[in-house]
């Protein structure tokens, strides 16, 4: 009888076998029109991943249908809210799944999913609280097809931020990141923008609250199906980065107070919000 009970438990909860250093690993994918690249991204996720979550920001293509076919845990926004809001949903639901380490991976196949194990390990074993997949280390960005103007903006903005944030990383603008559960529960993420600058605000918050940030070299590739913001939105993002950095400095110097750097700021809360719904996944999800 004991054997039968244990056996049934193992079958019902295979995630216990996959855990890395006793930590539950989740990969979250903020998606918008990712139908053509989602399958390739998911197929390369390593076995170490315990739960795979996709959040669809009201795509116009078959992203949700593909997610269902792949057996992903998925959630669908009732309209297009933006990249930042998408991440808020991603992290909320990863925490609800009991994840200890959460890796944010774009489902456009621009970043290789094969680095998930390395990034998750650095967080799971307590080496870093945050790990970034850097396109700059190893000179991969331009070789992978990053437009020259984006590369130049990347280097200038990163140098500016390193100066004022008091840390040194090779780039702040990668969309490939791993976080500990503590990071996601302590940061006032609900104070951040719904737009692309959310990424930068989040790293500035990590620096402000003293979390350890590490990096790994990540090859990247640019191709027509890979999502990428245009020049106009890149400029808007750049000004947002500058504003975030100035706010960080002013708060550190005691010359200003901003809610994105307040320990009392709004944090992620459990439970599905009224602007999105959970989809039905197939039995492949495990």
Protein backbone atom coordinates (compact mmCIF):
# COMPACT_ATOMS: atom_id res chain seq x y z
CA UNK A 1 0.00 0.00 0.00
CA UNK A 2 2.79 2.45 0.83
CA UNK A 3 4.51 1.63 -2.44
CA UNK A 4 1.32 2.18 -4.42
CA UNK A 5 0.72 5.54 -2.75
CA UNK A 6 4.27 6.67 -3.42
CA UNK A 7 4.08 5.48 -6.98
CA UNK A 8 0.86 7.37 -7.67
CA UNK A 9 2.32 10.49 -6.12
CA UNK A 10 5.37 10.31 -8.36
CA UNK A 11 3.19 9.97 -11.43
CA UNK A 12 0.94 12.84 -10.38
CA UNK A 13 3.78 15.20 -9.46
CA UNK A 14 6.72 14.64 -11.87
CA UNK A 15 7.96 18.15 -11.14
CA UNK A 16 9.58 16.87 -7.95
CA UNK A 17 12.04 14.92 -10.07
CA UNK A 18 13.12 17.93 -12.10
CA UNK A 19 13.86 20.38 -9.30
CA UNK A 20 17.28 22.05 -9.37
CA UNK A 21 18.87 22.14 -5.90
CA UNK A 22 15.40 21.65 -4.47
CA UNK A 23 14.14 24.77 -6.27
CA UNK A 24 11.18 24.83 -8.63
CA UNK A 25 12.11 26.35 -11.99
CA UNK A 26 9.63 28.26 -14.16
CA UNK A 27 10.13 29.75 -17.60
CA UNK A 28 7.77 32.59 -18.48
CA UNK A 29 7.24 33.81 -22.03
CA UNK A 30 5.63 37.22 -22.62
CA UNK A 31 4.09 36.79 -26.06
CA UNK A 32 2.63 38.96 -28.78
CA UNK A 33 2.12 37.45 -32.24
CA UNK A 34 4.63 34.66 -31.57
CA UNK A 35 2.86 31.94 -33.55
CA UNK A 36 5.74 31.34 -35.99
CA UNK A 37 8.53 31.04 -33.41
CA UNK A 38 6.86 29.66 -30.29
CA UNK A 39 7.20 25.99 -31.18
CA UNK A 40 10.95 26.26 -31.85
CA UNK A 41 11.45 28.12 -28.56
CA UNK A 42 9.53 25.61 -26.46
CA UNK A 43 11.11 22.57 -28.09
CA UNK A 44 14.57 23.73 -26.96
CA UNK A 45 13.64 24.28 -23.32
CA UNK A 46 15.70 21.92 -21.14
CA UNK A 47 14.13 19.15 -19.04
CA UNK A 48 15.09 20.97 -15.85
CA UNK A 49 12.13 23.35 -16.33
CA UNK A 50 9.25 22.45 -14.01
CA UNK A 51 6.59 24.78 -15.38
CA UNK A 52 6.29 26.65 -18.68
CA UNK A 53 4.05 29.72 -18.74
CA UNK A 54 3.02 31.88 -21.69
CA UNK A 55 1.12 35.15 -21.36
CA UNK A 56 -0.49 36.40 -24.55
CA UNK A 57 -0.99 40.15 -24.86
CA UNK A 58 -4.02 39.94 -27.16
CA UNK A 59 -2.21 38.61 -30.23
CA UNK A 60 -3.79 38.79 -33.67
CA UNK A 61 -2.36 35.42 -34.76
CA UNK A 62 -2.57 31.81 -33.48
CA UNK A 63 -0.22 32.25 -30.52
CA UNK A 64 -2.82 31.02 -28.01
CA UNK A 65 -3.74 27.99 -30.12
CA UNK A 66 -0.08 27.00 -30.48
CA UNK A 67 0.45 27.44 -26.73
CA UNK A 68 -2.50 25.12 -26.09
CA UNK A 69 -1.17 22.55 -28.56
CA UNK A 70 2.22 22.63 -26.82
CA UNK A 71 0.60 22.06 -23.43
CA UNK A 72 1.74 25.34 -21.93
CA UNK A 73 0.15 26.96 -18.91
CA UNK A 74 -1.13 30.10 -20.62
CA UNK A 75 -3.00 33.28 -19.83
CA UNK A 76 -4.67 35.70 -22.23
CA UNK A 77 -5.07 39.46 -21.78
CA UNK A 78 -8.44 40.93 -22.74
CA UNK A 79 -6.66 43.64 -24.78
CA UNK A 80 -3.15 44.72 -25.67
CA UNK A 81 -1.70 46.24 -22.48
CA UNK A 82 1.98 46.32 -23.38
CA UNK A 83 5.20 44.45 -22.67
CA UNK A 84 5.56 45.64 -19.09
CA UNK A 85 2.06 44.56 -18.06
CA UNK A 86 2.68 41.23 -19.77
CA UNK A 87 5.68 40.64 -17.52
CA UNK A 88 3.68 41.53 -14.43
CA UNK A 89 1.21 38.78 -15.35
CA UNK A 90 4.06 36.36 -16.10
CA UNK A 91 5.69 36.82 -12.72
CA UNK A 92 2.42 36.81 -10.79
CA UNK A 93 1.46 33.45 -12.24
CA UNK A 94 4.94 31.96 -11.86
CA UNK A 95 4.85 32.82 -8.17
CA UNK A 96 1.35 31.33 -7.94
CA UNK A 97 2.79 28.09 -9.36
CA UNK A 98 5.29 28.02 -6.49
CA UNK A 99 8.35 28.85 -8.58
CA UNK A 100 11.60 29.56 -6.73
CA UNK A 101 13.51 30.62 -9.85
CA UNK A 102 11.83 32.37 -12.78
CA UNK A 103 13.46 32.81 -16.19
CA UNK A 104 11.93 35.31 -18.58
CA UNK A 105 12.50 34.19 -22.18
CA UNK A 106 11.05 35.89 -25.25
CA UNK A 107 9.21 33.33 -27.40
CA UNK A 108 10.48 34.93 -30.62
CA UNK A 109 13.51 32.57 -30.69
CA UNK A 110 15.95 35.47 -30.66
CA UNK A 111 17.66 34.12 -27.52
CA UNK A 112 18.67 30.48 -27.22
CA UNK A 113 16.60 28.52 -24.67
CA UNK A 114 19.60 26.24 -24.13
CA UNK A 115 21.03 28.69 -21.58
CA UNK A 116 18.09 28.27 -19.20
CA UNK A 117 19.89 25.61 -17.16
CA UNK A 118 23.02 27.74 -16.69
CA UNK A 119 21.06 30.84 -15.73
CA UNK A 120 18.69 28.97 -13.42
CA UNK A 121 21.60 27.22 -11.69
CA UNK A 122 23.29 30.50 -10.81
CA UNK A 123 20.13 31.63 -9.02
CA UNK A 124 19.12 28.24 -7.58
CA UNK A 125 22.51 27.84 -5.88
CA UNK A 126 22.47 31.38 -4.50
CA UNK A 127 25.37 32.74 -6.55
CA UNK A 128 23.27 35.62 -7.88
CA UNK A 129 19.75 36.93 -7.31
CA UNK A 130 19.44 38.04 -10.94
CA UNK A 131 21.18 36.68 -14.04
CA UNK A 132 21.14 38.39 -17.43
CA UNK A 133 21.75 36.78 -20.80
CA UNK A 134 24.08 39.37 -22.33
CA UNK A 135 24.34 39.86 -26.09
CA UNK A 136 27.40 42.06 -25.62
CA UNK A 137 29.79 39.69 -23.82
CA UNK A 138 31.78 37.82 -26.44
CA UNK A 139 30.92 40.29 -29.21
CA UNK A 140 27.79 38.39 -30.23
CA UNK A 141 25.39 41.27 -30.85
CA UNK A 142 26.50 42.65 -34.21
CA UNK A 143 27.40 39.20 -35.52
CA UNK A 144 23.88 38.09 -34.65
CA UNK A 145 22.40 40.90 -36.72
CA UNK A 146 21.67 43.62 -34.17
CA UNK A 147 21.14 46.90 -36.09
CA UNK A 148 24.09 49.25 -35.69
CA UNK A 149 22.00 52.10 -34.25
CA UNK A 150 20.62 49.75 -31.55
CA UNK A 151 24.12 48.59 -30.70
CA UNK A 152 25.34 52.17 -30.33
CA UNK A 153 22.32 53.14 -28.19
CA UNK A 154 22.86 50.03 -26.10
CA UNK A 155 26.49 50.85 -25.35
CA UNK A 156 25.85 54.54 -24.57
CA UNK A 157 22.86 53.89 -22.33
CA UNK A 158 24.66 51.07 -20.52
CA UNK A 159 27.68 53.29 -19.82
CA UNK A 160 25.39 56.02 -18.48
CA UNK A 161 23.55 53.61 -16.22
CA UNK A 162 26.69 51.94 -14.89
CA UNK A 163 27.95 55.37 -13.88
CA UNK A 164 24.87 56.34 -11.88
CA UNK A 165 23.59 52.97 -10.64
CA UNK A 166 26.90 52.05 -9.07
CA UNK A 167 27.11 48.58 -10.63
CA UNK A 168 28.80 47.26 -13.75
CA UNK A 169 27.06 45.05 -16.27
CA UNK A 170 27.66 44.69 -20.00
CA UNK A 171 24.06 45.57 -20.94
CA UNK A 172 20.76 46.43 -19.28
CA UNK A 173 18.60 45.86 -22.34
CA UNK A 174 18.51 42.11 -22.82
CA UNK A 175 15.15 40.35 -22.74
CA UNK A 176 16.62 37.18 -21.24
CA UNK A 177 16.65 37.24 -17.43
CA UNK A 178 16.50 34.93 -14.41
CA UNK A 179 15.18 36.03 -11.01
CA UNK A 180 14.90 34.54 -7.56
CA UNK A 181 11.50 34.39 -5.91
CA UNK A 182 12.68 36.95 -3.35
CA UNK A 183 13.41 39.49 -6.08
CA UNK A 184 9.94 39.14 -7.58
CA UNK A 185 8.16 39.41 -4.24
CA UNK A 186 10.19 42.33 -2.84
CA UNK A 187 10.36 44.69 -5.82
CA UNK A 188 7.47 47.18 -6.27
CA UNK A 189 6.84 45.91 -9.80
CA UNK A 190 3.29 47.24 -10.00
CA UNK A 191 4.72 50.77 -9.92
CA UNK A 192 6.52 50.21 -13.22
CA UNK A 193 5.53 51.14 -16.75
CA UNK A 194 3.36 48.93 -18.94
CA UNK A 195 5.72 49.69 -21.82
CA UNK A 196 9.19 48.46 -22.77
CA UNK A 197 10.99 50.58 -20.17
CA UNK A 198 9.63 48.13 -17.57
CA UNK A 199 12.73 46.03 -18.22
CA UNK A 200 15.04 48.87 -17.32
CA UNK A 201 13.04 49.98 -14.31
CA UNK A 202 13.20 46.45 -12.96
CA UNK A 203 16.99 46.28 -13.15
CA UNK A 204 17.32 49.74 -11.60
CA UNK A 205 15.11 48.47 -8.75
CA UNK A 206 17.33 45.41 -8.35
CA UNK A 207 20.35 47.68 -8.03
CA UNK A 208 18.57 50.04 -5.62
CA UNK A 209 17.49 47.24 -3.28
CA UNK A 210 20.91 45.61 -3.33
CA UNK A 211 20.31 42.38 -5.22
CA UNK A 212 23.32 40.62 -6.76
CA UNK A 213 23.32 40.73 -10.57
CA UNK A 214 25.34 38.36 -12.75
CA UNK A 215 25.62 37.74 -16.49
CA UNK A 216 26.23 34.97 -19.00
CA UNK A 217 27.20 35.37 -22.62
CA UNK A 218 24.21 34.78 -24.87
CA UNK A 219 24.34 34.52 -28.66
CA UNK A 220 21.38 36.18 -30.32
CA UNK A 221 19.91 36.28 -33.78
CA UNK A 222 17.80 38.83 -35.61
CA UNK A 223 15.46 37.66 -38.37
CA UNK A 224 12.08 38.79 -39.76
CA UNK A 225 10.01 36.68 -37.36
CA UNK A 226 11.88 37.90 -34.28
CA UNK A 227 10.15 40.74 -32.46
CA UNK A 228 12.01 44.05 -32.33
CA UNK A 229 10.88 47.58 -31.59
CA UNK A 230 11.28 50.15 -34.35
CA UNK A 231 13.44 53.28 -34.33
CA UNK A 232 10.72 55.56 -32.93
CA UNK A 233 9.95 53.25 -30.03
CA UNK A 234 13.67 52.69 -29.46
CA UNK A 235 14.09 56.44 -28.99
CA UNK A 236 11.13 56.53 -26.59
CA UNK A 237 12.67 53.64 -24.67
CA UNK A 238 16.01 55.45 -24.54
CA UNK A 239 14.46 58.53 -22.95
CA UNK A 240 12.67 56.27 -20.49
CA UNK A 241 16.01 54.71 -19.53
CA UNK A 242 17.53 58.14 -18.96
CA UNK A 243 14.56 59.18 -16.81
CA UNK A 244 14.76 56.00 -14.72
CA UNK A 245 18.49 56.49 -14.14
CA UNK A 246 18.02 60.11 -13.08
CA UNK A 247 15.22 59.09 -10.69
CA UNK A 248 17.48 56.43 -9.20
CA UNK A 249 20.27 58.97 -8.63
CA UNK A 250 17.96 61.59 -7.13
CA UNK A 251 16.46 59.08 -4.72
CA UNK A 252 19.90 57.81 -3.70
CA UNK A 253 21.08 61.36 -3.10
CA UNK A 254 17.98 62.20 -1.06
CA UNK A 255 16.81 64.77 -3.60
CA UNK A 256 13.64 63.02 -4.68
CA UNK A 257 11.20 60.25 -3.85
CA UNK A 258 9.80 57.93 -6.51
CA UNK A 259 7.39 55.06 -5.98
CA UNK A 260 9.32 52.68 -8.22
CA UNK A 261 12.10 52.82 -5.59
CA UNK A 262 9.86 52.73 -2.53
CA UNK A 263 9.84 49.67 -0.28
CA UNK A 264 6.15 50.47 0.30
CA UNK A 265 5.37 50.53 -3.41
CA UNK A 266 2.78 48.17 -4.89
CA UNK A 267 4.02 44.61 -5.27
CA UNK A 268 2.76 41.58 -7.14
CA UNK A 269 -0.29 39.98 -5.57
CA UNK A 270 -1.50 36.40 -5.92
CA UNK A 271 -4.65 35.67 -7.87
CA UNK A 272 -5.72 36.24 -11.44
CA UNK A 273 -6.50 39.91 -12.10
CA UNK A 274 -9.66 40.94 -13.92
CA UNK A 275 -7.83 41.84 -17.15
CA UNK A 276 -6.74 38.33 -18.12
CA UNK A 277 -7.96 34.74 -18.04
CA UNK A 278 -6.33 31.34 -17.74
CA UNK A 279 -6.40 29.17 -20.85
CA UNK A 280 -6.91 25.42 -21.00
CA UNK A 281 -3.70 23.46 -21.51
CA UNK A 282 -3.34 19.94 -22.84
CA UNK A 283 -1.99 17.01 -20.82
CA UNK A 284 1.51 17.68 -22.15
CA UNK A 285 2.06 20.36 -19.50
CA UNK A 286 3.94 18.91 -16.58
